[in-house]
N, C-alpha and C. Protein backbone atom coordinates (compact mmCIF):
# COMPACT_ATOMS: atom_id res chain seq x y z
N UNK A 1 0.83 -1.19 0.00
CA UNK A 1 0.00 0.00 0.00
C UNK A 1 0.87 1.25 0.00
N UNK A 2 1.92 1.23 0.79
CA UNK A 2 2.83 2.38 0.84
C UNK A 2 3.44 2.64 -0.53
N UNK A 3 3.85 1.59 -1.21
CA UNK A 3 4.39 1.74 -2.56
C UNK A 3 3.34 2.29 -3.52
N UNK A 4 2.11 1.84 -3.37
CA UNK A 4 1.03 2.37 -4.21
C UNK A 4 0.88 3.87 -4.00
N UNK A 5 0.88 4.30 -2.73
CA UNK A 5 0.80 5.73 -2.43
C UNK A 5 1.96 6.47 -3.08
N UNK A 6 3.16 5.95 -2.92
CA UNK A 6 4.35 6.60 -3.46
C UNK A 6 4.30 6.72 -4.98
N UNK A 7 3.58 5.80 -5.62
CA UNK A 7 3.45 5.82 -7.08
C UNK A 7 2.25 6.63 -7.55
N UNK A 8 1.54 7.25 -6.61
CA UNK A 8 0.45 8.16 -6.97
C UNK A 8 -0.94 7.58 -6.87
N UNK A 9 -1.09 6.35 -6.45
CA UNK A 9 -2.42 5.77 -6.29
C UNK A 9 -3.00 6.27 -4.96
N UNK A 10 -4.08 7.00 -5.04
CA UNK A 10 -4.63 7.67 -3.87
C UNK A 10 -5.39 6.72 -2.95
N UNK A 11 -6.22 5.88 -3.51
CA UNK A 11 -7.00 4.92 -2.72
C UNK A 11 -6.86 3.55 -3.37
N UNK A 12 -5.71 2.92 -3.18
CA UNK A 12 -5.52 1.63 -3.86
C UNK A 12 -6.49 0.57 -3.34
N UNK A 13 -7.03 -0.17 -4.27
CA UNK A 13 -7.92 -1.28 -3.93
C UNK A 13 -7.08 -2.46 -3.45
N UNK A 14 -7.74 -3.40 -2.79
CA UNK A 14 -7.05 -4.58 -2.27
C UNK A 14 -6.32 -5.32 -3.39
N UNK A 15 -6.93 -5.43 -4.55
CA UNK A 15 -6.28 -6.15 -5.66
C UNK A 15 -5.02 -5.43 -6.13
N UNK A 16 -5.02 -4.09 -6.07
CA UNK A 16 -3.83 -3.32 -6.45
C UNK A 16 -2.71 -3.52 -5.43
N UNK A 17 -3.06 -3.50 -4.16
CA UNK A 17 -2.09 -3.74 -3.10
C UNK A 17 -1.53 -5.16 -3.23
N UNK A 18 -2.43 -6.10 -3.45
CA UNK A 18 -2.01 -7.50 -3.58
C UNK A 18 -1.07 -7.67 -4.78
N UNK A 19 -1.41 -7.07 -5.90
CA UNK A 19 -0.55 -7.18 -7.09
C UNK A 19 0.82 -6.57 -6.82
N UNK A 20 0.84 -5.44 -6.15
CA UNK A 20 2.12 -4.78 -5.83
C UNK A 20 2.96 -5.64 -4.90
N UNK A 21 2.30 -6.36 -3.98
CA UNK A 21 3.00 -7.22 -3.02
C UNK A 21 3.24 -8.62 -3.57
N UNK A 22 2.70 -8.87 -4.77
CA UNK A 22 2.83 -10.19 -5.41
C UNK A 22 2.21 -11.31 -4.57
N UNK A 23 1.03 -11.00 -4.05
CA UNK A 23 0.25 -11.98 -3.30
C UNK A 23 -1.19 -11.93 -3.82
N UNK A 24 -2.00 -12.85 -3.37
CA UNK A 24 -3.41 -12.83 -3.76
C UNK A 24 -4.16 -11.81 -2.91
N UNK A 25 -5.31 -11.40 -3.43
CA UNK A 25 -6.16 -10.50 -2.66
C UNK A 25 -6.60 -11.18 -1.36
N UNK A 26 -6.83 -12.46 -1.44
CA UNK A 26 -7.22 -13.22 -0.25
C UNK A 26 -6.12 -13.14 0.81
N UNK A 27 -4.86 -13.16 0.39
CA UNK A 27 -3.74 -13.09 1.35
C UNK A 27 -3.74 -11.74 2.09
N UNK A 28 -4.12 -10.70 1.38
CA UNK A 28 -4.20 -9.37 2.03
C UNK A 28 -5.18 -9.44 3.18
N UNK A 29 -6.34 -10.06 2.95
CA UNK A 29 -7.37 -10.09 3.98
C UNK A 29 -7.16 -11.21 5.01
N UNK A 30 -6.22 -12.10 4.77
CA UNK A 30 -5.83 -13.04 5.82
C UNK A 30 -5.00 -12.33 6.88
N UNK A 31 -4.26 -11.30 6.45
CA UNK A 31 -3.38 -10.56 7.36
C UNK A 31 -4.05 -9.33 7.96
N UNK A 32 -5.04 -8.78 7.26
CA UNK A 32 -5.70 -7.56 7.71
C UNK A 32 -7.21 -7.73 7.63
N UNK A 33 -7.90 -7.25 8.65
CA UNK A 33 -9.36 -7.36 8.69
C UNK A 33 -10.04 -6.52 7.62
N UNK A 34 -9.41 -5.39 7.30
CA UNK A 34 -10.01 -4.45 6.35
C UNK A 34 -8.90 -3.61 5.74
N UNK A 35 -9.25 -2.84 4.73
CA UNK A 35 -8.27 -1.93 4.13
C UNK A 35 -7.89 -0.85 5.15
N UNK A 36 -8.82 -0.48 6.01
CA UNK A 36 -8.53 0.52 7.05
C UNK A 36 -7.50 -0.01 8.04
N UNK A 37 -7.59 -1.29 8.41
CA UNK A 37 -6.59 -1.86 9.33
C UNK A 37 -5.22 -1.96 8.64
N UNK A 38 -5.23 -2.24 7.35
CA UNK A 38 -3.97 -2.21 6.59
C UNK A 38 -3.40 -0.79 6.59
N UNK A 39 -4.26 0.18 6.42
CA UNK A 39 -3.84 1.58 6.42
C UNK A 39 -3.24 1.98 7.77
N UNK A 40 -3.80 1.47 8.86
CA UNK A 40 -3.24 1.75 10.19
C UNK A 40 -1.79 1.25 10.27
N UNK A 41 -1.54 0.06 9.76
CA UNK A 41 -0.19 -0.49 9.77
C UNK A 41 0.74 0.30 8.86
N UNK A 42 0.23 0.72 7.72
CA UNK A 42 1.02 1.53 6.79
C UNK A 42 1.39 2.86 7.44
N UNK A 43 0.45 3.47 8.13
CA UNK A 43 0.71 4.75 8.80
C UNK A 43 1.80 4.59 9.85
N UNK A 44 1.75 3.51 10.60
CA UNK A 44 2.79 3.25 11.61
C UNK A 44 4.15 3.01 10.96
N UNK A 45 4.17 2.24 9.90
CA UNK A 45 5.42 1.98 9.17
C UNK A 45 6.00 3.28 8.62
N UNK A 46 5.16 4.10 8.02
CA UNK A 46 5.61 5.38 7.47
C UNK A 46 6.17 6.28 8.57
N UNK A 47 5.49 6.32 9.70
CA UNK A 47 5.95 7.14 10.83
C UNK A 47 7.34 6.70 11.28
N UNK A 48 7.52 5.41 11.49
CA UNK A 48 8.81 4.89 11.93
C UNK A 48 9.90 5.15 10.89
N UNK A 49 9.56 4.94 9.64
CA UNK A 49 10.51 5.14 8.54
C UNK A 49 11.00 6.59 8.47
N UNK A 50 10.07 7.51 8.56
CA UNK A 50 10.41 8.92 8.47
C UNK A 50 11.13 9.39 9.73
N UNK A 51 10.62 9.03 10.89
CA UNK A 51 11.22 9.45 12.15
C UNK A 51 12.70 9.08 12.24
N UNK A 52 13.06 7.93 11.72
CA UNK A 52 14.45 7.49 11.79
C UNK A 52 15.38 8.32 10.91
N UNK A 53 14.82 9.11 10.00
CA UNK A 53 15.63 9.90 9.08
C UNK A 53 15.61 11.40 9.37
N UNK A 54 14.99 11.79 10.47
CA UNK A 54 14.88 13.22 10.78
C UNK A 54 16.02 13.68 11.68
N UNK A 55 16.49 14.91 11.44
CA UNK A 55 17.49 15.47 12.37
C UNK A 55 16.83 15.75 13.71
N UNK A 56 17.60 15.74 14.78
CA UNK A 56 17.01 16.00 16.10
C UNK A 56 16.53 17.44 16.20
N UNK A 57 15.55 17.65 17.06
CA UNK A 57 15.03 18.99 17.32
C UNK A 57 15.77 19.55 18.52
N UNK A 58 16.29 20.76 18.37
CA UNK A 58 17.07 21.39 19.44
C UNK A 58 16.17 22.27 20.29
N UNK A 59 16.31 22.11 21.60
CA UNK A 59 15.58 22.94 22.55
C UNK A 59 16.51 23.92 23.25
N UNK A 60 17.78 23.90 22.89
CA UNK A 60 18.79 24.77 23.48
C UNK A 60 19.41 25.63 22.39
N UNK A 61 20.13 26.63 22.81
CA UNK A 61 20.82 27.50 21.87
C UNK A 61 20.09 28.80 21.65
N UNK A 62 20.57 29.53 20.68
CA UNK A 62 19.95 30.82 20.37
C UNK A 62 18.62 30.60 19.66
N UNK A 63 17.84 31.64 19.59
CA UNK A 63 16.56 31.55 18.88
C UNK A 63 16.80 31.14 17.43
N UNK A 64 17.82 31.71 16.80
CA UNK A 64 18.13 31.37 15.41
C UNK A 64 18.43 29.89 15.27
N UNK A 65 19.18 29.32 16.21
CA UNK A 65 19.53 27.89 16.16
C UNK A 65 18.29 27.02 16.36
N UNK A 66 17.43 27.42 17.28
CA UNK A 66 16.23 26.62 17.55
C UNK A 66 15.24 26.69 16.39
N UNK A 67 15.09 27.88 15.80
CA UNK A 67 14.20 28.00 14.63
C UNK A 67 14.79 27.20 13.46
N UNK A 68 16.10 27.29 13.27
CA UNK A 68 16.74 26.52 12.19
C UNK A 68 16.53 25.03 12.39
N UNK A 69 16.62 24.56 13.63
CA UNK A 69 16.40 23.15 13.94
C UNK A 69 14.96 22.74 13.64
N UNK A 70 14.01 23.56 14.05
CA UNK A 70 12.60 23.28 13.80
C UNK A 70 12.31 23.22 12.31
N UNK A 71 12.84 24.17 11.57
CA UNK A 71 12.63 24.21 10.12
C UNK A 71 13.32 23.03 9.44
N UNK A 72 14.54 22.72 9.84
CA UNK A 72 15.28 21.61 9.22
C UNK A 72 14.54 20.28 9.43
N UNK A 73 14.08 20.06 10.63
CA UNK A 73 13.38 18.79 10.92
C UNK A 73 12.07 18.70 10.14
N UNK A 74 11.33 19.78 10.13
CA UNK A 74 10.04 19.80 9.46
C UNK A 74 10.19 19.65 7.95
N UNK A 75 11.09 20.40 7.38
CA UNK A 75 11.24 20.36 5.92
C UNK A 75 11.80 19.02 5.45
N UNK A 76 12.65 18.40 6.24
CA UNK A 76 13.15 17.06 5.89
C UNK A 76 11.98 16.08 5.87
N UNK A 77 11.11 16.17 6.85
CA UNK A 77 9.94 15.30 6.89
C UNK A 77 9.06 15.52 5.65
N UNK A 78 8.87 16.77 5.27
CA UNK A 78 8.04 17.07 4.10
C UNK A 78 8.65 16.49 2.83
N UNK A 79 9.95 16.63 2.69
CA UNK A 79 10.61 16.11 1.49
C UNK A 79 10.54 14.58 1.45
N UNK A 80 10.63 13.94 2.60
CA UNK A 80 10.58 12.47 2.65
C UNK A 80 9.19 11.92 2.38
N UNK A 81 8.17 12.70 2.71
CA UNK A 81 6.80 12.17 2.67
C UNK A 81 5.93 12.77 1.57
N UNK A 82 6.49 13.53 0.66
CA UNK A 82 5.68 14.28 -0.31
C UNK A 82 4.65 13.43 -1.05
N UNK A 83 5.06 12.33 -1.66
CA UNK A 83 4.13 11.52 -2.45
C UNK A 83 3.07 10.86 -1.57
N UNK A 84 3.48 10.31 -0.46
CA UNK A 84 2.53 9.65 0.44
C UNK A 84 1.57 10.68 1.03
N UNK A 85 2.10 11.84 1.35
CA UNK A 85 1.27 12.90 1.94
C UNK A 85 0.18 13.35 0.97
N UNK A 86 0.52 13.49 -0.31
CA UNK A 86 -0.49 13.89 -1.31
C UNK A 86 -1.64 12.88 -1.33
N UNK A 87 -1.31 11.61 -1.33
CA UNK A 87 -2.34 10.57 -1.32
C UNK A 87 -3.14 10.62 -0.02
N UNK A 88 -2.46 10.82 1.09
CA UNK A 88 -3.15 10.85 2.39
C UNK A 88 -4.12 12.01 2.49
N UNK A 89 -3.73 13.17 2.01
CA UNK A 89 -4.60 14.34 2.07
C UNK A 89 -5.87 14.10 1.25
N UNK A 90 -5.72 13.50 0.08
CA UNK A 90 -6.89 13.25 -0.77
C UNK A 90 -7.78 12.13 -0.22
N UNK A 91 -7.17 11.19 0.49
CA UNK A 91 -7.94 10.08 1.06
C UNK A 91 -8.50 10.39 2.44
N UNK A 92 -8.07 11.48 3.05
CA UNK A 92 -8.46 11.82 4.42
C UNK A 92 -9.97 11.81 4.66
N UNK A 93 -10.79 12.36 3.77
CA UNK A 93 -12.24 12.35 4.05
C UNK A 93 -12.84 10.95 4.16
N UNK A 94 -12.15 9.95 3.64
CA UNK A 94 -12.68 8.59 3.61
C UNK A 94 -12.06 7.69 4.68
N UNK A 95 -11.11 8.22 5.46
CA UNK A 95 -10.37 7.36 6.38
C UNK A 95 -10.23 7.96 7.77
N UNK A 96 -10.81 7.28 8.74
CA UNK A 96 -10.66 7.70 10.14
C UNK A 96 -9.21 7.61 10.56
N UNK A 97 -8.49 6.60 10.07
CA UNK A 97 -7.07 6.44 10.41
C UNK A 97 -6.28 7.66 9.98
N UNK A 98 -6.48 8.11 8.77
CA UNK A 98 -5.73 9.27 8.27
C UNK A 98 -6.15 10.52 9.03
N UNK A 99 -7.43 10.70 9.27
CA UNK A 99 -7.88 11.89 10.02
C UNK A 99 -7.26 11.92 11.40
N UNK A 100 -7.27 10.79 12.09
CA UNK A 100 -6.72 10.78 13.45
C UNK A 100 -5.20 10.95 13.43
N UNK A 101 -4.51 10.37 12.45
CA UNK A 101 -3.06 10.55 12.34
C UNK A 101 -2.71 12.01 12.07
N UNK A 102 -3.45 12.66 11.21
CA UNK A 102 -3.18 14.07 10.92
C UNK A 102 -3.45 14.95 12.13
N UNK A 103 -4.51 14.66 12.88
CA UNK A 103 -4.79 15.42 14.11
C UNK A 103 -3.66 15.21 15.11
N UNK A 104 -3.21 13.97 15.26
CA UNK A 104 -2.09 13.66 16.16
C UNK A 104 -0.83 14.41 15.72
N UNK A 105 -0.55 14.42 14.44
CA UNK A 105 0.64 15.10 13.93
C UNK A 105 0.58 16.60 14.18
N UNK A 106 -0.58 17.20 13.98
CA UNK A 106 -0.72 18.64 14.26
C UNK A 106 -0.45 18.93 15.73
N UNK A 107 -0.96 18.09 16.61
CA UNK A 107 -0.71 18.27 18.06
C UNK A 107 0.78 18.09 18.38
N UNK A 108 1.42 17.12 17.76
CA UNK A 108 2.86 16.91 17.96
C UNK A 108 3.66 18.13 17.52
N UNK A 109 3.29 18.70 16.41
CA UNK A 109 3.99 19.88 15.90
C UNK A 109 3.79 21.07 16.83
N UNK A 110 2.56 21.25 17.32
CA UNK A 110 2.32 22.33 18.29
C UNK A 110 3.19 22.14 19.53
N UNK A 111 3.30 20.90 20.00
CA UNK A 111 4.15 20.61 21.17
C UNK A 111 5.61 20.90 20.88
N UNK A 112 6.08 20.54 19.70
CA UNK A 112 7.48 20.81 19.33
C UNK A 112 7.74 22.31 19.28
N UNK A 113 6.78 23.06 18.76
CA UNK A 113 6.91 24.52 18.72
C UNK A 113 7.00 25.07 20.14
N UNK A 114 6.09 24.60 21.01
CA UNK A 114 6.10 25.07 22.40
C UNK A 114 7.44 24.80 23.08
N UNK A 115 8.00 23.62 22.85
CA UNK A 115 9.27 23.27 23.51
C UNK A 115 10.46 24.00 22.89
N UNK A 116 10.49 24.05 21.56
CA UNK A 116 11.64 24.67 20.89
C UNK A 116 11.68 26.18 21.10
N UNK A 117 10.52 26.79 21.22
CA UNK A 117 10.45 28.26 21.33
C UNK A 117 9.88 28.70 22.67
N UNK A 118 10.07 27.87 23.69
CA UNK A 118 9.51 28.14 25.02
C UNK A 118 9.93 29.51 25.54
N UNK A 119 11.19 29.85 25.39
CA UNK A 119 11.70 31.13 25.91
C UNK A 119 10.92 32.31 25.33
N UNK A 120 10.70 32.30 24.04
CA UNK A 120 9.99 33.41 23.38
C UNK A 120 8.50 33.39 23.70
N UNK A 121 7.93 32.20 23.80
CA UNK A 121 6.50 32.08 24.02
C UNK A 121 6.10 32.36 25.47
N UNK A 122 6.98 32.08 26.43
CA UNK A 122 6.68 32.31 27.84
C UNK A 122 6.37 33.77 28.14
N UNK A 123 6.97 34.68 27.39
CA UNK A 123 6.79 36.11 27.64
C UNK A 123 5.41 36.61 27.21
N UNK A 124 4.64 35.79 26.52
CA UNK A 124 3.35 36.21 25.99
C UNK A 124 2.20 35.77 26.89
N UNK A 125 1.09 36.49 26.82
CA UNK A 125 -0.11 36.04 27.52
C UNK A 125 -0.64 34.80 26.79
N UNK A 126 -1.52 34.05 27.42
CA UNK A 126 -2.00 32.79 26.86
C UNK A 126 -2.62 32.95 25.48
N UNK A 127 -3.42 33.98 25.29
CA UNK A 127 -4.06 34.20 23.99
C UNK A 127 -3.03 34.46 22.91
N UNK A 128 -2.09 35.35 23.18
CA UNK A 128 -1.04 35.66 22.19
C UNK A 128 -0.17 34.44 21.92
N UNK A 129 0.10 33.66 22.96
CA UNK A 129 0.91 32.44 22.79
C UNK A 129 0.20 31.46 21.84
N UNK A 130 -1.09 31.25 22.07
CA UNK A 130 -1.86 30.33 21.21
C UNK A 130 -1.89 30.83 19.77
N UNK A 131 -2.03 32.14 19.60
CA UNK A 131 -2.05 32.72 18.25
C UNK A 131 -0.71 32.52 17.57
N UNK A 132 0.38 32.78 18.29
CA UNK A 132 1.72 32.61 17.70
C UNK A 132 1.99 31.15 17.34
N UNK A 133 1.62 30.24 18.24
CA UNK A 133 1.82 28.82 17.97
C UNK A 133 1.00 28.40 16.74
N UNK A 134 -0.23 28.86 16.66
CA UNK A 134 -1.08 28.53 15.51
C UNK A 134 -0.48 29.09 14.21
N UNK A 135 0.04 30.30 14.27
CA UNK A 135 0.65 30.90 13.09
C UNK A 135 1.89 30.15 12.65
N UNK A 136 2.73 29.79 13.61
CA UNK A 136 3.95 29.04 13.28
C UNK A 136 3.60 27.66 12.76
N UNK A 137 2.61 27.01 13.37
CA UNK A 137 2.19 25.69 12.90
C UNK A 137 1.66 25.76 11.48
N UNK A 138 0.95 26.83 11.16
CA UNK A 138 0.45 27.00 9.79
C UNK A 138 1.62 27.19 8.82
N UNK A 139 2.64 27.91 9.26
CA UNK A 139 3.81 28.11 8.40
C UNK A 139 4.56 26.81 8.15
N UNK A 140 4.64 25.97 9.17
CA UNK A 140 5.37 24.72 8.99
C UNK A 140 4.42 23.55 8.71
N UNK A 141 3.35 23.88 7.99
CA UNK A 141 2.41 22.85 7.55
C UNK A 141 2.84 22.33 6.19
N UNK A 142 2.42 21.13 5.91
CA UNK A 142 2.74 20.54 4.62
C UNK A 142 2.10 21.33 3.49
N UNK A 143 0.93 21.87 3.70
CA UNK A 143 0.27 22.63 2.63
C UNK A 143 1.06 23.89 2.28
N UNK A 144 1.61 24.56 3.29
CA UNK A 144 2.40 25.76 3.00
C UNK A 144 3.73 25.38 2.34
N UNK A 145 4.33 24.28 2.82
CA UNK A 145 5.56 23.81 2.19
C UNK A 145 5.31 23.47 0.71
N UNK A 146 4.21 22.81 0.44
CA UNK A 146 3.86 22.48 -0.94
C UNK A 146 3.66 23.74 -1.77
N UNK A 147 3.05 24.73 -1.16
CA UNK A 147 2.85 26.02 -1.85
C UNK A 147 4.21 26.63 -2.25
N UNK A 148 5.14 26.65 -1.29
CA UNK A 148 6.46 27.22 -1.57
C UNK A 148 7.23 26.42 -2.62
N UNK A 149 7.19 25.09 -2.49
CA UNK A 149 7.99 24.24 -3.38
C UNK A 149 7.35 24.09 -4.76
N UNK A 150 6.05 23.90 -4.81
CA UNK A 150 5.38 23.61 -6.08
C UNK A 150 4.95 24.87 -6.81
N UNK A 151 4.22 25.72 -6.14
CA UNK A 151 3.64 26.87 -6.82
C UNK A 151 4.61 28.05 -6.92
N UNK A 152 5.41 28.26 -5.89
CA UNK A 152 6.41 29.33 -5.95
C UNK A 152 7.73 28.85 -6.57
N UNK A 153 7.85 27.54 -6.71
CA UNK A 153 9.03 26.90 -7.32
C UNK A 153 10.33 27.26 -6.61
N UNK A 154 10.27 27.29 -5.29
CA UNK A 154 11.48 27.57 -4.51
C UNK A 154 12.24 26.28 -4.26
N UNK A 155 13.55 26.37 -4.21
CA UNK A 155 14.38 25.23 -3.85
C UNK A 155 14.14 24.92 -2.37
N UNK A 156 14.64 23.78 -1.94
CA UNK A 156 14.52 23.43 -0.52
C UNK A 156 15.17 24.51 0.33
N UNK A 157 16.35 24.96 -0.06
CA UNK A 157 17.07 25.98 0.71
C UNK A 157 16.29 27.30 0.76
N UNK A 158 15.76 27.72 -0.38
CA UNK A 158 15.02 28.99 -0.43
C UNK A 158 13.71 28.89 0.35
N UNK A 159 13.00 27.77 0.21
CA UNK A 159 11.74 27.58 0.96
C UNK A 159 12.02 27.52 2.46
N UNK A 160 13.10 26.87 2.85
CA UNK A 160 13.48 26.81 4.27
C UNK A 160 13.78 28.21 4.79
N UNK A 161 14.47 28.98 4.00
CA UNK A 161 14.78 30.36 4.40
C UNK A 161 13.50 31.18 4.56
N UNK A 162 12.57 31.01 3.63
CA UNK A 162 11.29 31.72 3.72
C UNK A 162 10.56 31.35 5.01
N UNK A 163 10.56 30.08 5.37
CA UNK A 163 9.92 29.64 6.61
C UNK A 163 10.61 30.24 7.83
N UNK A 164 11.93 30.16 7.85
CA UNK A 164 12.68 30.70 8.99
C UNK A 164 12.41 32.19 9.17
N UNK A 165 12.45 32.93 8.08
CA UNK A 165 12.22 34.37 8.18
C UNK A 165 10.79 34.68 8.64
N UNK A 166 9.83 33.93 8.17
CA UNK A 166 8.44 34.14 8.59
C UNK A 166 8.25 33.82 10.07
N UNK A 167 8.89 32.74 10.54
CA UNK A 167 8.79 32.40 11.97
C UNK A 167 9.41 33.49 12.82
N UNK A 168 10.58 33.96 12.42
CA UNK A 168 11.23 35.05 13.18
C UNK A 168 10.34 36.29 13.19
N UNK A 169 9.69 36.58 12.07
CA UNK A 169 8.81 37.75 12.01
C UNK A 169 7.62 37.58 12.96
N UNK A 170 7.07 36.39 13.05
CA UNK A 170 5.96 36.13 13.98
C UNK A 170 6.39 36.27 15.44
N UNK A 171 7.61 35.84 15.70
CA UNK A 171 8.11 35.92 17.08
C UNK A 171 8.42 37.34 17.47
């Protein structure tokens, strides 16, 4: 299924997954109760695969170093997951697994922002802090990254710089 996503198939059928895995459709359902349960396993595999390739997030150092760390980690994840992410976004309305994974990921990113930029955020009242975190999370969203890379045609370095500068401006 992961290979199908990477090749652009948005909602691969069991027979397509089976053909890609060189097994029968029946074999797919011997291992998984449903396509949704297969998707849950695929989501976990993708998470582990990507997580192992991400640079660490820094919670120490100057603001510039911490923002650079946040941007580097986020943009690396986007570059690693571009094809699968496109399929996931289009399949999201049909899959509870994808909806819950995306909600979990948004919460994880908000937490990373809070930890990486704690010093700057602590000085703000709760309302302003929530607004800043929401703004930064929107900037480091996959949709904004796709906008910079695809529609604005920026290189990874230029798009990363745009994100860093926008985060500094928000702070």
